[in-house]
Amino acid sequence: VKSGLQKAADKERRSLANMLEVMIRDYCGRNGVVIP
């Protein structure tokens, strides 16, 4: 999973932390979870 995350981050030229934050925000947005 970490390897996949790293590949996704590299593809978008992001850090692991930033890629994870982007993925979490995307998930929340698609599933009605509000991030204030």
PDB file of all heavy atoms in Angstrom:
ATOM      1  N   VAL A   1       0.847  -1.197   0.000  1.00  0.00           N
ATOM      2  CA  VAL A   1       0.000   0.000   0.000  1.00  0.00           C
ATOM      3  C   VAL A   1       0.880   1.243   0.000  1.00  0.00           C
ATOM      4  O   VAL A   1       0.628   2.193  -0.744  1.00  0.00           O
ATOM      5  CB  VAL A   1      -0.969   0.002   1.202  1.00  0.00           C
ATOM      6  CG1 VAL A   1      -1.737   1.310   1.289  1.00  0.00           C
ATOM      7  CG2 VAL A   1      -1.924  -1.187   1.114  1.00  0.00           C
ATOM      8  N   LYS A   2       1.931   1.226   0.810  1.00  0.00           N
ATOM      9  CA  LYS A   2       2.850   2.368   0.832  1.00  0.00           C
ATOM     10  C   LYS A   2       3.513   2.555  -0.530  1.00  0.00           C
ATOM     11  O   LYS A   2       3.679   3.685  -1.004  1.00  0.00           O
ATOM     12  CB  LYS A   2       3.921   2.197   1.908  1.00  0.00           C
ATOM     13  CG  LYS A   2       4.832   3.410   1.989  1.00  0.00           C
ATOM     14  CD  LYS A   2       5.899   3.280   3.042  1.00  0.00           C
ATOM     15  CE  LYS A   2       6.788   4.513   3.025  1.00  0.00           C
ATOM     16  NZ  LYS A   2       7.982   4.351   3.835  1.00  0.00           N
ATOM     17  N   SER A   3       3.863   1.465  -1.163  1.00  0.00           N
ATOM     18  CA  SER A   3       4.469   1.539  -2.493  1.00  0.00           C
ATOM     19  C   SER A   3       3.497   2.167  -3.491  1.00  0.00           C
ATOM     20  O   SER A   3       3.885   3.015  -4.305  1.00  0.00           O
ATOM     21  CB  SER A   3       4.877   0.139  -2.960  1.00  0.00           C
ATOM     22  OG  SER A   3       5.395   0.180  -4.258  1.00  0.00           O
ATOM     23  N   GLY A   4       2.234   1.763  -3.422  1.00  0.00           N
ATOM     24  CA  GLY A   4       1.226   2.355  -4.300  1.00  0.00           C
ATOM     25  C   GLY A   4       1.035   3.828  -4.022  1.00  0.00           C
ATOM     26  O   GLY A   4       0.913   4.644  -4.949  1.00  0.00           O
ATOM     27  N   LEU A   5       1.024   4.196  -2.751  1.00  0.00           N
ATOM     28  CA  LEU A   5       0.895   5.601  -2.366  1.00  0.00           C
ATOM     29  C   LEU A   5       2.081   6.398  -2.893  1.00  0.00           C
ATOM     30  O   LEU A   5       1.917   7.502  -3.431  1.00  0.00           O
ATOM     31  CB  LEU A   5       0.794   5.724  -0.844  1.00  0.00           C
ATOM     32  CG  LEU A   5       0.695   7.132  -0.267  1.00  0.00           C
ATOM     33  CD1 LEU A   5      -0.559   7.847  -0.767  1.00  0.00           C
ATOM     34  CD2 LEU A   5       0.709   7.078   1.256  1.00  0.00           C
ATOM     35  N   GLN A   6       3.275   5.824  -2.782  1.00  0.00           N
ATOM     36  CA  GLN A   6       4.472   6.507  -3.266  1.00  0.00           C
ATOM     37  C   GLN A   6       4.419   6.700  -4.782  1.00  0.00           C
ATOM     38  O   GLN A   6       4.770   7.759  -5.292  1.00  0.00           O
ATOM     39  CB  GLN A   6       5.733   5.725  -2.885  1.00  0.00           C
ATOM     40  CG  GLN A   6       7.027   6.426  -3.276  1.00  0.00           C
ATOM     41  CD  GLN A   6       7.240   7.705  -2.501  1.00  0.00           C
ATOM     42  OE1 GLN A   6       7.364   7.667  -1.281  1.00  0.00           O
ATOM     43  NE2 GLN A   6       7.281   8.842  -3.179  1.00  0.00           N
ATOM     44  N   LYS A   7       3.950   5.688  -5.504  1.00  0.00           N
ATOM     45  CA  LYS A   7       3.829   5.799  -6.961  1.00  0.00           C
ATOM     46  C   LYS A   7       2.832   6.891  -7.341  1.00  0.00           C
ATOM     47  O   LYS A   7       3.081   7.670  -8.261  1.00  0.00           O
ATOM     48  CB  LYS A   7       3.418   4.461  -7.570  1.00  0.00           C
ATOM     49  CG  LYS A   7       4.536   3.450  -7.564  1.00  0.00           C
ATOM     50  CD  LYS A   7       4.066   2.107  -8.088  1.00  0.00           C
ATOM     51  CE  LYS A   7       5.180   1.070  -7.961  1.00  0.00           C
ATOM     52  NZ  LYS A   7       4.739  -0.261  -8.378  1.00  0.00           N
ATOM     53  N   ALA A   8       1.714   6.948  -6.626  1.00  0.00           N
ATOM     54  CA  ALA A   8       0.712   7.995  -6.894  1.00  0.00           C
ATOM     55  C   ALA A   8       1.292   9.370  -6.598  1.00  0.00           C
ATOM     56  O   ALA A   8       1.099  10.326  -7.367  1.00  0.00           O
ATOM     57  CB  ALA A   8      -0.543   7.755  -6.056  1.00  0.00           C
ATOM     58  N   ALA A   9       2.019   9.489  -5.484  1.00  0.00           N
ATOM     59  CA  ALA A   9       2.633  10.766  -5.113  1.00  0.00           C
ATOM     60  C   ALA A   9       3.675  11.192  -6.147  1.00  0.00           C
ATOM     61  O   ALA A   9       3.708  12.355  -6.559  1.00  0.00           O
ATOM     62  CB  ALA A   9       3.271  10.655  -3.728  1.00  0.00           C
ATOM     63  N   ASP A  10       4.492  10.257  -6.559  1.00  0.00           N
ATOM     64  CA  ASP A  10       5.519  10.566  -7.566  1.00  0.00           C
ATOM     65  C   ASP A  10       4.877  11.030  -8.873  1.00  0.00           C
ATOM     66  O   ASP A  10       5.343  11.991  -9.497  1.00  0.00           O
ATOM     67  CB  ASP A  10       6.393   9.344  -7.847  1.00  0.00           C
ATOM     68  CG  ASP A  10       7.307   8.983  -6.685  1.00  0.00           C
ATOM     69  OD1 ASP A  10       7.480   9.804  -5.763  1.00  0.00           O
ATOM     70  OD2 ASP A  10       7.840   7.852  -6.708  1.00  0.00           O
ATOM     71  N   LYS A  11       3.796  10.365  -9.276  1.00  0.00           N
ATOM     72  CA  LYS A  11       3.117  10.703 -10.521  1.00  0.00           C
ATOM     73  C   LYS A  11       2.613  12.145 -10.506  1.00  0.00           C
ATOM     74  O   LYS A  11       2.629  12.841 -11.514  1.00  0.00           O
ATOM     75  CB  LYS A  11       1.948   9.736 -10.737  1.00  0.00           C
ATOM     76  CG  LYS A  11       1.230   9.912 -12.039  1.00  0.00           C
ATOM     77  CD  LYS A  11       0.154   8.846 -12.216  1.00  0.00           C
ATOM     78  CE  LYS A  11      -0.565   9.034 -13.532  1.00  0.00           C
ATOM     79  NZ  LYS A  11      -1.580   8.004 -13.745  1.00  0.00           N
ATOM     80  N   GLU A  12       2.162  12.602  -9.330  1.00  0.00           N
ATOM     81  CA  GLU A  12       1.649  13.963  -9.208  1.00  0.00           C
ATOM     82  C   GLU A  12       2.657  14.937  -8.611  1.00  0.00           C
ATOM     83  O   GLU A  12       2.319  16.078  -8.295  1.00  0.00           O
ATOM     84  CB  GLU A  12       0.364  13.946  -8.366  1.00  0.00           C
ATOM     85  CG  GLU A  12      -0.745  13.180  -9.047  1.00  0.00           C
ATOM     86  CD  GLU A  12      -2.121  13.530  -8.525  1.00  0.00           C
ATOM     87  OE1 GLU A  12      -2.265  14.559  -7.816  1.00  0.00           O
ATOM     88  OE2 GLU A  12      -3.051  12.789  -8.842  1.00  0.00           O
ATOM     89  N   ARG A  13       3.876  14.456  -8.426  1.00  0.00           N
ATOM     90  CA  ARG A  13       4.954  15.280  -7.842  1.00  0.00           C
ATOM     91  C   ARG A  13       4.556  15.863  -6.489  1.00  0.00           C
ATOM     92  O   ARG A  13       4.693  17.062  -6.228  1.00  0.00           O
ATOM     93  CB  ARG A  13       5.399  16.367  -8.806  1.00  0.00           C
ATOM     94  CG  ARG A  13       5.969  15.784 -10.073  1.00  0.00           C
ATOM     95  CD  ARG A  13       6.388  16.835 -11.043  1.00  0.00           C
ATOM     96  NE  ARG A  13       6.829  16.152 -12.267  1.00  0.00           N
ATOM     97  CZ  ARG A  13       7.691  16.661 -13.103  1.00  0.00           C
ATOM     98  NH1 ARG A  13       8.205  17.831 -12.899  1.00  0.00           N
ATOM     99  NH2 ARG A  13       8.038  15.983 -14.171  1.00  0.00           N
ATOM    100  N   ARG A  14       4.050  14.992  -5.641  1.00  0.00           N
ATOM    101  CA  ARG A  14       3.635  15.370  -4.290  1.00  0.00           C
ATOM    102  C   ARG A  14       4.434  14.564  -3.278  1.00  0.00           C
ATOM    103  O   ARG A  14       4.969  13.500  -3.594  1.00  0.00           O
ATOM    104  CB  ARG A  14       2.153  15.057  -4.068  1.00  0.00           C
ATOM    105  CG  ARG A  14       1.200  15.819  -4.944  1.00  0.00           C
ATOM    106  CD  ARG A  14      -0.246  15.389  -4.651  1.00  0.00           C
ATOM    107  NE  ARG A  14      -1.191  16.045  -5.517  1.00  0.00           N
ATOM    108  CZ  ARG A  14      -1.718  17.250  -5.303  1.00  0.00           C
ATOM    109  NH1 ARG A  14      -1.370  17.929  -4.230  1.00  0.00           N
ATOM    110  NH2 ARG A  14      -2.575  17.768  -6.150  1.00  0.00           N
ATOM    111  N   SER A  15       4.459  15.060  -2.045  1.00  0.00           N
ATOM    112  CA  SER A  15       5.036  14.275  -0.955  1.00  0.00           C
ATOM    113  C   SER A  15       4.021  13.204  -0.558  1.00  0.00           C
ATOM    114  O   SER A  15       2.830  13.287  -0.905  1.00  0.00           O
ATOM    115  CB  SER A  15       5.329  15.173   0.253  1.00  0.00           C
ATOM    116  OG  SER A  15       4.106  15.644   0.817  1.00  0.00           O
ATOM    117  N   LEU A  16       4.478  12.195   0.177  1.00  0.00           N
ATOM    118  CA  LEU A  16       3.557  11.171   0.678  1.00  0.00           C
ATOM    119  C   LEU A  16       2.466  11.805   1.534  1.00  0.00           C
ATOM    120  O   LEU A  16       1.284  11.475   1.395  1.00  0.00           O
ATOM    121  CB  LEU A  16       4.303  10.126   1.510  1.00  0.00           C
ATOM    122  CG  LEU A  16       5.094   9.066   0.759  1.00  0.00           C
ATOM    123  CD1 LEU A  16       5.841   8.181   1.750  1.00  0.00           C
ATOM    124  CD2 LEU A  16       4.201   8.230  -0.113  1.00  0.00           C
ATOM    125  N   ALA A  17       2.855  12.703   2.424  1.00  0.00           N
ATOM    126  CA  ALA A  17       1.885  13.341   3.311  1.00  0.00           C
ATOM    127  C   ALA A  17       0.851  14.136   2.526  1.00  0.00           C
ATOM    128  O   ALA A  17      -0.351  14.059   2.796  1.00  0.00           O
ATOM    129  CB  ALA A  17       2.607  14.249   4.316  1.00  0.00           C
ATOM    130  N   ASN A  18       1.304  14.888   1.531  1.00  0.00           N
ATOM    131  CA  ASN A  18       0.373  15.689   0.746  1.00  0.00           C
ATOM    132  C   ASN A  18      -0.545  14.802  -0.089  1.00  0.00           C
ATOM    133  O   ASN A  18      -1.739  15.073  -0.218  1.00  0.00           O
ATOM    134  CB  ASN A  18       1.124  16.677  -0.139  1.00  0.00           C
ATOM    135  CG  ASN A  18       0.177  17.560  -0.910  1.00  0.00           C
ATOM    136  OD1 ASN A  18       0.008  17.374  -2.111  1.00  0.00           O
ATOM    137  ND2 ASN A  18      -0.454  18.508  -0.233  1.00  0.00           N
ATOM    138  N   MET A  19      -0.005  13.714  -0.650  1.00  0.00           N
ATOM    139  CA  MET A  19      -0.828  12.808  -1.447  1.00  0.00           C
ATOM    140  C   MET A  19      -1.900  12.171  -0.573  1.00  0.00           C
ATOM    141  O   MET A  19      -3.066  12.064  -0.974  1.00  0.00           O
ATOM    142  CB  MET A  19       0.046  11.722  -2.084  1.00  0.00           C
ATOM    143  CG  MET A  19      -0.670  10.866  -3.097  1.00  0.00           C
ATOM    144  SD  MET A  19      -0.979  11.770  -4.629  1.00  0.00           S
ATOM    145  CE  MET A  19      -2.722  11.561  -4.796  1.00  0.00           C
ATOM    146  N   LEU A  20      -1.547  11.783   0.628  1.00  0.00           N
ATOM    147  CA  LEU A  20      -2.509  11.191   1.553  1.00  0.00           C
ATOM    148  C   LEU A  20      -3.590  12.198   1.919  1.00  0.00           C
ATOM    149  O   LEU A  20      -4.780  11.871   1.945  1.00  0.00           O
ATOM    150  CB  LEU A  20      -1.774  10.692   2.799  1.00  0.00           C
ATOM    151  CG  LEU A  20      -2.530   9.768   3.730  1.00  0.00           C
ATOM    152  CD1 LEU A  20      -3.102   8.570   3.000  1.00  0.00           C
ATOM    153  CD2 LEU A  20      -1.624   9.316   4.856  1.00  0.00           C
ATOM    154  N   GLU A  21      -3.196  13.452   2.155  1.00  0.00           N
ATOM    155  CA  GLU A  21      -4.182  14.488   2.467  1.00  0.00           C
ATOM    156  C   GLU A  21      -5.135  14.721   1.294  1.00  0.00           C
ATOM    157  O   GLU A  21      -6.353  14.829   1.471  1.00  0.00           O
ATOM    158  CB  GLU A  21      -3.489  15.801   2.841  1.00  0.00           C
ATOM    159  CG  GLU A  21      -4.472  16.871   3.253  1.00  0.00           C
ATOM    160  CD  GLU A  21      -3.821  18.132   3.791  1.00  0.00           C
ATOM    161  OE1 GLU A  21      -2.604  18.113   4.096  1.00  0.00           O
ATOM    162  OE2 GLU A  21      -4.533  19.139   3.909  1.00  0.00           O
ATOM    163  N   VAL A  22      -4.596  14.752   0.078  1.00  0.00           N
ATOM    164  CA  VAL A  22      -5.425  14.926  -1.117  1.00  0.00           C
ATOM    165  C   VAL A  22      -6.421  13.771  -1.233  1.00  0.00           C
ATOM    166  O   VAL A  22      -7.604  13.977  -1.508  1.00  0.00           O
ATOM    167  CB  VAL A  22      -4.541  15.035  -2.383  1.00  0.00           C
ATOM    168  CG1 VAL A  22      -5.360  14.878  -3.649  1.00  0.00           C
ATOM    169  CG2 VAL A  22      -3.796  16.355  -2.389  1.00  0.00           C
ATOM    170  N   MET A  23      -5.948  12.556  -1.010  1.00  0.00           N
ATOM    171  CA  MET A  23      -6.828  11.386  -1.108  1.00  0.00           C
ATOM    172  C   MET A  23      -7.921  11.417  -0.042  1.00  0.00           C
ATOM    173  O   MET A  23      -9.082  11.082  -0.323  1.00  0.00           O
ATOM    174  CB  MET A  23      -6.012  10.100  -0.991  1.00  0.00           C
ATOM    175  CG  MET A  23      -5.132   9.821  -2.171  1.00  0.00           C
ATOM    176  SD  MET A  23      -4.102   8.371  -1.855  1.00  0.00           S
ATOM    177  CE  MET A  23      -3.753   7.849  -3.518  1.00  0.00           C
ATOM    178  N   ILE A  24      -7.577  11.806   1.162  1.00  0.00           N
ATOM    179  CA  ILE A  24      -8.565  11.885   2.239  1.00  0.00           C
ATOM    180  C   ILE A  24      -9.597  12.958   1.942  1.00  0.00           C
ATOM    181  O   ILE A  24     -10.805  12.749   2.105  1.00  0.00           O
ATOM    182  CB  ILE A  24      -7.873  12.131   3.600  1.00  0.00           C
ATOM    183  CG1 ILE A  24      -7.078  10.882   4.003  1.00  0.00           C
ATOM    184  CG2 ILE A  24      -8.893  12.520   4.667  1.00  0.00           C
ATOM    185  CD1 ILE A  24      -6.140  11.093   5.164  1.00  0.00           C
ATOM    186  N   ARG A  25      -9.147  14.118   1.484  1.00  0.00           N
ATOM    187  CA  ARG A  25     -10.090  15.191   1.138  1.00  0.00           C
ATOM    188  C   ARG A  25     -11.018  14.771   0.003  1.00  0.00           C
ATOM    189  O   ARG A  25     -12.213  15.060   0.021  1.00  0.00           O
ATOM    190  CB  ARG A  25      -9.342  16.475   0.774  1.00  0.00           C
ATOM    191  CG  ARG A  25      -8.710  17.156   1.964  1.00  0.00           C
ATOM    192  CD  ARG A  25      -7.986  18.429   1.535  1.00  0.00           C
ATOM    193  NE  ARG A  25      -7.391  19.086   2.675  1.00  0.00           N
ATOM    194  CZ  ARG A  25      -8.030  19.905   3.497  1.00  0.00           C
ATOM    195  NH1 ARG A  25      -9.301  20.166   3.315  1.00  0.00           N
ATOM    196  NH2 ARG A  25      -7.401  20.459   4.512  1.00  0.00           N
ATOM    197  N   ASP A  26     -10.472  14.062  -0.974  1.00  0.00           N
ATOM    198  CA  ASP A  26     -11.293  13.573  -2.084  1.00  0.00           C
ATOM    199  C   ASP A  26     -12.342  12.585  -1.572  1.00  0.00           C
ATOM    200  O   ASP A  26     -13.520  12.686  -1.920  1.00  0.00           O
ATOM    201  CB  ASP A  26     -10.403  12.924  -3.146  1.00  0.00           C
ATOM    202  CG  ASP A  26     -11.206  12.370  -4.308  1.00  0.00           C
ATOM    203  OD1 ASP A  26     -11.892  13.168  -4.985  1.00  0.00           O
ATOM    204  OD2 ASP A  26     -11.158  11.143  -4.533  1.00  0.00           O
ATOM    205  N   TYR A  27     -11.923  11.643  -0.756  1.00  0.00           N
ATOM    206  CA  TYR A  27     -12.853  10.655  -0.193  1.00  0.00           C
ATOM    207  C   TYR A  27     -13.963  11.346   0.597  1.00  0.00           C
ATOM    208  O   TYR A  27     -15.143  11.040   0.429  1.00  0.00           O
ATOM    209  CB  TYR A  27     -12.103   9.666   0.712  1.00  0.00           C
ATOM    210  CG  TYR A  27     -13.034   8.708   1.402  1.00  0.00           C
ATOM    211  CD1 TYR A  27     -13.375   7.501   0.809  1.00  0.00           C
ATOM    212  CD2 TYR A  27     -13.604   9.018   2.641  1.00  0.00           C
ATOM    213  CE1 TYR A  27     -14.260   6.632   1.426  1.00  0.00           C
ATOM    214  CE2 TYR A  27     -14.486   8.165   3.257  1.00  0.00           C
ATOM    215  CZ  TYR A  27     -14.814   6.962   2.648  1.00  0.00           C
ATOM    216  OH  TYR A  27     -15.695   6.110   3.265  1.00  0.00           O
ATOM    217  N   CYS A  28     -13.573  12.268   1.453  1.00  0.00           N
ATOM    218  CA  CYS A  28     -14.560  12.984   2.273  1.00  0.00           C
ATOM    219  C   CYS A  28     -15.536  13.759   1.395  1.00  0.00           C
ATOM    220  O   CYS A  28     -16.747  13.734   1.632  1.00  0.00           O
ATOM    221  CB  CYS A  28     -13.859  13.921   3.253  1.00  0.00           C
ATOM    222  SG  CYS A  28     -12.995  13.037   4.571  1.00  0.00           S
ATOM    223  N   GLY A  29     -15.034  14.426   0.393  1.00  0.00           N
ATOM    224  CA  GLY A  29     -15.893  15.186  -0.510  1.00  0.00           C
ATOM    225  C   GLY A  29     -16.898  14.308  -1.237  1.00  0.00           C
ATOM    226  O   GLY A  29     -18.059  14.676  -1.414  1.00  0.00           O
ATOM    227  N   ARG A  30     -16.472  13.110  -1.638  1.00  0.00           N
ATOM    228  CA  ARG A  30     -17.357  12.204  -2.362  1.00  0.00           C
ATOM    229  C   ARG A  30     -18.345  11.487  -1.460  1.00  0.00           C
ATOM    230  O   ARG A  30     -19.345  10.958  -1.921  1.00  0.00           O
ATOM    231  CB  ARG A  30     -16.543  11.155  -3.134  1.00  0.00           C
ATOM    232  CG  ARG A  30     -15.834  11.728  -4.350  1.00  0.00           C
ATOM    233  CD  ARG A  30     -15.105  10.663  -5.172  1.00  0.00           C
ATOM    234  NE  ARG A  30     -13.903  10.178  -4.473  1.00  0.00           N
ATOM    235  CZ  ARG A  30     -13.768   8.964  -3.922  1.00  0.00           C
ATOM    236  NH1 ARG A  30     -14.725   8.091  -3.975  1.00  0.00           N
ATOM    237  NH2 ARG A  30     -12.642   8.627  -3.312  1.00  0.00           N
ATOM    238  N   ASN A  31     -18.070  11.465  -0.144  1.00  0.00           N
ATOM    239  CA  ASN A  31     -18.904  10.701   0.777  1.00  0.00           C
ATOM    240  C   ASN A  31     -19.618  11.562   1.812  1.00  0.00           C
ATOM    241  O   ASN A  31     -20.091  11.055   2.827  1.00  0.00           O
ATOM    242  CB  ASN A  31     -18.057   9.622   1.461  1.00  0.00           C
ATOM    243  CG  ASN A  31     -17.670   8.538   0.482  1.00  0.00           C
ATOM    244  OD1 ASN A  31     -18.476   7.677   0.168  1.00  0.00           O
ATOM    245  ND2 ASN A  31     -16.456   8.610  -0.045  1.00  0.00           N
ATOM    246  N   GLY A  32     -19.682  12.851   1.557  1.00  0.00           N
ATOM    247  CA  GLY A  32     -20.441  13.745   2.422  1.00  0.00           C
ATOM    248  C   GLY A  32     -19.855  13.975   3.799  1.00  0.00           C
ATOM    249  O   GLY A  32     -20.562  14.338   4.727  1.00  0.00           O
ATOM    250  N   VAL A  33     -18.571  13.740   3.950  1.00  0.00           N
ATOM    251  CA  VAL A  33     -17.904  14.001   5.222  1.00  0.00           C
ATOM    252  C   VAL A  33     -17.345  15.416   5.155  1.00  0.00           C
ATOM    253  O   VAL A  33     -16.500  15.720   4.316  1.00  0.00           O
ATOM    254  CB  VAL A  33     -16.767  12.987   5.488  1.00  0.00           C
ATOM    255  CG1 VAL A  33     -16.057  13.311   6.786  1.00  0.00           C
ATOM    256  CG2 VAL A  33     -17.301  11.569   5.479  1.00  0.00           C
ATOM    257  N   VAL A  34     -17.849  16.282   6.029  1.00  0.00           N
ATOM    258  CA  VAL A  34     -17.461  17.689   5.989  1.00  0.00           C
ATOM    259  C   VAL A  34     -16.145  17.903   6.736  1.00  0.00           C
ATOM    260  O   VAL A  34     -15.984  17.464   7.868  1.00  0.00           O
ATOM    261  CB  VAL A  34     -18.560  18.577   6.612  1.00  0.00           C
ATOM    262  CG1 VAL A  34     -18.128  20.033   6.658  1.00  0.00           C
ATOM    263  CG2 VAL A  34     -19.848  18.423   5.832  1.00  0.00           C
ATOM    264  N   ILE A  35     -15.235  18.562   6.067  1.00  0.00           N
ATOM    265  CA  ILE A  35     -14.007  19.028   6.713  1.00  0.00           C
ATOM    266  C   ILE A  35     -14.221  20.523   6.894  1.00  0.00           C
ATOM    267  O   ILE A  35     -14.224  21.266   5.909  1.00  0.00           O
ATOM    268  CB  ILE A  35     -12.765  18.731   5.848  1.00  0.00           C
ATOM    269  CG1 ILE A  35     -12.622  17.223   5.641  1.00  0.00           C
ATOM    270  CG2 ILE A  35     -11.513  19.324   6.496  1.00  0.00           C
ATOM    271  CD1 ILE A  35     -11.499  16.831   4.710  1.00  0.00           C
ATOM    272  N   PRO A  36     -14.442  20.987   8.125  1.00  0.00           N
ATOM    273  CA  PRO A  36     -14.863  22.373   8.364  1.00  0.00           C
ATOM    274  C   PRO A  36     -14.076  23.438   7.628  1.00  0.00           C
ATOM    275  O   PRO A  36     -14.655  24.356   7.080  1.00  0.00           O
ATOM    276  CB  PRO A  36     -14.717  22.525   9.873  1.00  0.00           C
ATOM    277  CG  PRO A  36     -14.928  21.143  10.391  1.00  0.00           C
ATOM    278  CD  PRO A  36     -14.303  20.249   9.351  1.00  0.00           C
TER     279      PRO A  36
END
